[in-house]
N, C-alpha and C. Protein backbone atom coordinates (compact mmCIF):
# COMPACT_ATOMS: atom_id res chain seq x y z
N MET A 1 81.62 82.74 76.46
CA MET A 1 80.97 83.23 75.27
C MET A 1 82.04 83.66 74.27
N LYS A 2 81.87 83.25 73.05
CA LYS A 2 82.83 83.58 72.00
C LYS A 2 82.53 84.98 71.45
N LEU A 3 83.52 85.53 70.74
CA LEU A 3 83.39 86.89 70.21
C LEU A 3 82.17 87.03 69.32
N LEU A 4 81.96 86.08 68.42
CA LEU A 4 80.82 86.17 67.51
C LEU A 4 79.50 86.17 68.29
N GLU A 5 79.42 85.36 69.34
CA GLU A 5 78.21 85.33 70.17
C GLU A 5 77.99 86.68 70.86
N LEU A 6 79.06 87.29 71.35
CA LEU A 6 78.95 88.60 71.99
C LEU A 6 78.45 89.65 70.99
N ILE A 7 79.04 89.63 69.80
CA ILE A 7 78.64 90.59 68.77
C ILE A 7 77.16 90.42 68.44
N GLU A 8 76.72 89.17 68.25
CA GLU A 8 75.32 88.91 67.92
C GLU A 8 74.39 89.36 69.04
N THR A 9 74.77 89.11 70.28
CA THR A 9 73.95 89.51 71.43
C THR A 9 73.81 91.03 71.48
N ILE A 10 74.92 91.73 71.29
CA ILE A 10 74.89 93.20 71.33
C ILE A 10 74.07 93.74 70.17
N GLN A 11 74.21 93.14 68.98
CA GLN A 11 73.46 93.63 67.81
C GLN A 11 71.96 93.35 67.93
N GLN A 12 71.56 92.40 68.74
CA GLN A 12 70.13 92.17 68.97
C GLN A 12 69.52 93.38 69.68
N HIS A 13 70.27 93.97 70.58
CA HIS A 13 69.78 95.13 71.32
C HIS A 13 70.13 96.45 70.64
N HIS A 14 71.19 96.45 69.85
CA HIS A 14 71.65 97.67 69.17
C HIS A 14 71.99 97.34 67.71
N PRO A 15 70.98 97.10 66.88
CA PRO A 15 71.24 96.68 65.49
C PRO A 15 71.95 97.75 64.65
N GLU A 16 71.92 99.00 65.10
CA GLU A 16 72.55 100.07 64.32
C GLU A 16 74.07 100.12 64.50
N VAL A 17 74.59 99.39 65.48
CA VAL A 17 76.04 99.42 65.76
C VAL A 17 76.73 98.36 64.92
N GLY A 18 77.80 98.77 64.24
CA GLY A 18 78.54 97.85 63.38
C GLY A 18 79.47 96.92 64.17
N GLU A 19 79.89 95.89 63.49
CA GLU A 19 80.75 94.87 64.12
C GLU A 19 82.08 95.46 64.58
N THR A 20 82.69 96.32 63.79
CA THR A 20 83.98 96.92 64.15
C THR A 20 83.86 97.74 65.43
N ALA A 21 82.82 98.54 65.54
CA ALA A 21 82.62 99.35 66.74
C ALA A 21 82.40 98.47 67.97
N ILE A 22 81.68 97.37 67.78
CA ILE A 22 81.44 96.45 68.91
C ILE A 22 82.74 95.80 69.35
N VAL A 23 83.55 95.36 68.41
CA VAL A 23 84.83 94.72 68.76
C VAL A 23 85.72 95.71 69.49
N LYS A 24 85.78 96.95 69.04
CA LYS A 24 86.59 97.97 69.72
C LYS A 24 86.09 98.21 71.14
N ALA A 25 84.77 98.28 71.32
CA ALA A 25 84.20 98.49 72.65
C ALA A 25 84.47 97.29 73.56
N LEU A 26 84.38 96.10 73.02
CA LEU A 26 84.66 94.89 73.81
C LEU A 26 86.14 94.85 74.23
N ASN A 27 87.02 95.24 73.33
CA ASN A 27 88.45 95.27 73.67
C ASN A 27 88.74 96.29 74.77
N ARG A 28 88.10 97.47 74.68
CA ARG A 28 88.27 98.48 75.74
C ARG A 28 87.74 97.96 77.07
N ALA A 29 86.59 97.28 77.02
CA ALA A 29 86.01 96.72 78.25
C ALA A 29 86.92 95.65 78.84
N GLN A 30 87.52 94.84 77.98
CA GLN A 30 88.44 93.80 78.45
C GLN A 30 89.67 94.43 79.10
N ASP A 31 90.24 95.45 78.47
CA ASP A 31 91.41 96.14 79.03
C ASP A 31 91.06 96.77 80.38
N ASP A 32 89.89 97.39 80.45
CA ASP A 32 89.45 98.02 81.69
C ASP A 32 89.26 96.98 82.80
N PHE A 33 88.65 95.86 82.46
CA PHE A 33 88.43 94.79 83.43
C PHE A 33 89.75 94.24 83.98
N THR A 34 90.69 93.97 83.08
CA THR A 34 91.96 93.41 83.54
C THR A 34 92.75 94.42 84.37
N ALA A 35 92.64 95.70 84.05
CA ALA A 35 93.34 96.73 84.84
C ALA A 35 92.74 96.85 86.23
N LYS A 36 91.41 96.85 86.32
CA LYS A 36 90.75 97.01 87.62
C LYS A 36 90.89 95.79 88.51
N THR A 37 90.87 94.61 87.92
CA THR A 37 90.94 93.38 88.72
C THR A 37 92.38 92.93 88.96
N GLU A 38 93.32 93.51 88.21
CA GLU A 38 94.74 93.11 88.27
C GLU A 38 94.87 91.60 88.08
N ILE A 39 94.07 91.07 87.16
CA ILE A 39 94.03 89.65 86.92
C ILE A 39 95.29 89.16 86.18
N ILE A 40 95.93 90.05 85.44
CA ILE A 40 97.14 89.69 84.70
C ILE A 40 98.35 90.25 85.43
N GLU A 41 99.28 89.36 85.73
CA GLU A 41 100.53 89.78 86.38
C GLU A 41 101.70 89.38 85.50
N ALA A 42 102.75 90.15 85.57
CA ALA A 42 103.94 89.86 84.79
C ALA A 42 105.17 90.25 85.60
N ILE A 43 106.29 89.73 85.20
CA ILE A 43 107.55 90.06 85.85
C ILE A 43 108.41 90.80 84.83
N ALA A 44 108.96 91.92 85.23
CA ALA A 44 109.85 92.68 84.36
C ALA A 44 111.25 92.65 84.97
N GLU A 45 112.22 92.45 84.13
CA GLU A 45 113.61 92.46 84.59
C GLU A 45 114.34 93.62 83.93
N VAL A 46 115.13 94.33 84.74
CA VAL A 46 115.88 95.48 84.27
C VAL A 46 117.33 95.30 84.66
N VAL A 47 118.24 95.58 83.74
CA VAL A 47 119.67 95.52 84.04
C VAL A 47 120.05 96.82 84.74
N LEU A 48 120.60 96.71 85.94
CA LEU A 48 120.97 97.90 86.71
C LEU A 48 122.30 98.47 86.24
N VAL A 49 122.38 99.79 86.22
CA VAL A 49 123.58 100.50 85.83
C VAL A 49 124.03 101.35 87.00
N LYS A 50 125.33 101.33 87.31
CA LYS A 50 125.85 102.09 88.43
C LYS A 50 125.52 103.57 88.29
N ASP A 51 125.11 104.18 89.40
CA ASP A 51 124.77 105.61 89.50
C ASP A 51 123.58 106.02 88.64
N LYS A 52 122.75 105.07 88.24
CA LYS A 52 121.54 105.40 87.50
C LYS A 52 120.34 105.09 88.38
N ARG A 53 119.44 106.04 88.52
CA ARG A 53 118.28 105.86 89.39
C ARG A 53 117.01 105.62 88.60
N TRP A 54 116.81 106.28 87.48
CA TRP A 54 115.55 106.21 86.75
C TRP A 54 115.66 105.25 85.58
N TYR A 55 114.68 104.38 85.45
CA TYR A 55 114.63 103.39 84.38
C TYR A 55 113.26 103.45 83.71
N ASP A 56 113.25 103.25 82.41
CA ASP A 56 111.98 103.21 81.68
C ASP A 56 111.35 101.83 81.88
N LEU A 57 110.06 101.82 82.17
CA LEU A 57 109.32 100.58 82.30
C LEU A 57 108.36 100.43 81.14
N ASP A 58 107.91 99.24 80.93
CA ASP A 58 106.94 98.95 79.88
C ASP A 58 105.71 99.83 80.08
N PRO A 59 105.28 100.58 79.06
CA PRO A 59 104.12 101.46 79.24
C PRO A 59 102.83 100.71 79.57
N GLY A 60 102.79 99.41 79.30
CA GLY A 60 101.62 98.61 79.64
C GLY A 60 101.55 98.24 81.11
N MET A 61 102.63 98.51 81.83
CA MET A 61 102.69 98.18 83.26
C MET A 61 101.90 99.24 84.04
N LEU A 62 100.91 98.79 84.78
CA LEU A 62 100.04 99.72 85.49
C LEU A 62 100.47 99.97 86.93
N THR A 63 100.95 98.94 87.60
CA THR A 63 101.41 99.09 88.99
C THR A 63 102.66 98.27 89.20
N VAL A 64 103.46 98.71 90.13
CA VAL A 64 104.64 97.96 90.56
C VAL A 64 104.34 97.47 91.97
N LYS A 65 104.26 96.17 92.12
CA LYS A 65 103.90 95.61 93.42
C LYS A 65 105.13 95.36 94.30
N ARG A 66 106.24 95.03 93.67
CA ARG A 66 107.41 94.66 94.45
C ARG A 66 108.67 94.87 93.61
N VAL A 67 109.75 95.26 94.28
CA VAL A 67 111.05 95.39 93.62
C VAL A 67 112.03 94.52 94.38
N GLU A 68 112.75 93.68 93.65
CA GLU A 68 113.73 92.80 94.26
C GLU A 68 115.06 92.92 93.52
N ILE A 69 116.14 92.86 94.30
CA ILE A 69 117.49 92.80 93.74
C ILE A 69 118.18 91.62 94.40
N ASP A 70 118.60 90.66 93.59
CA ASP A 70 119.23 89.43 94.09
C ASP A 70 118.39 88.78 95.18
N ASN A 71 117.09 88.63 94.92
CA ASN A 71 116.14 88.00 95.84
C ASN A 71 115.97 88.75 97.16
N ILE A 72 116.35 90.02 97.20
CA ILE A 72 116.15 90.85 98.38
C ILE A 72 115.09 91.89 98.02
N SER A 73 114.02 91.94 98.81
CA SER A 73 112.95 92.87 98.55
C SER A 73 113.36 94.28 98.96
N ILE A 74 113.13 95.25 98.08
CA ILE A 74 113.48 96.64 98.32
C ILE A 74 112.24 97.36 98.85
N LYS A 75 112.38 98.03 99.98
CA LYS A 75 111.25 98.76 100.55
C LYS A 75 110.96 100.00 99.73
N ARG A 76 109.71 100.39 99.74
CA ARG A 76 109.27 101.55 98.99
C ARG A 76 109.78 102.83 99.64
N LEU A 77 110.28 103.75 98.83
CA LEU A 77 110.76 105.03 99.32
C LEU A 77 109.57 105.94 99.57
N ILE A 78 109.41 106.39 100.80
CA ILE A 78 108.27 107.22 101.16
C ILE A 78 108.56 108.70 100.93
N TYR A 79 109.76 109.13 101.27
CA TYR A 79 110.13 110.54 101.13
C TYR A 79 111.09 110.70 99.97
N PRO A 80 111.22 111.90 99.42
CA PRO A 80 112.17 112.13 98.34
C PRO A 80 113.58 111.81 98.80
N PRO A 81 114.43 111.32 97.90
CA PRO A 81 115.81 110.98 98.28
C PRO A 81 116.60 112.21 98.70
N LYS A 82 117.57 112.01 99.60
CA LYS A 82 118.40 113.10 100.09
C LYS A 82 119.38 113.58 99.04
N GLU A 83 119.81 112.67 98.16
CA GLU A 83 120.76 113.01 97.12
C GLU A 83 120.11 112.89 95.75
N GLY A 84 120.54 113.74 94.82
CA GLY A 84 120.05 113.64 93.45
C GLY A 84 120.91 112.65 92.67
N ASP A 85 120.59 112.43 91.42
CA ASP A 85 121.38 111.56 90.57
C ASP A 85 122.72 112.20 90.27
N LYS A 86 123.74 111.38 90.10
CA LYS A 86 125.07 111.88 89.79
C LYS A 86 125.21 112.26 88.33
N THR A 87 124.32 111.73 87.49
CA THR A 87 124.43 112.04 86.05
C THR A 87 123.33 112.96 85.63
């Protein structure tokens, strides 16, 4: 179904709602659907810096499924690290 068809269908049941409000609601619903179903996947690459532990990730990234360095999978840290950052 195309956007215009969705808008027309919604306005048949809710004629008082404007097109802009419907488009915003549909966009929120789409974002919610993709987050819950994890239908969209992406790969992020980060340049590692010696003695640096914390890196900023894309704010749109919802979950991290796997971390690899040189094709080696890094296991998830369950407990807090024994040492703090050097910087």
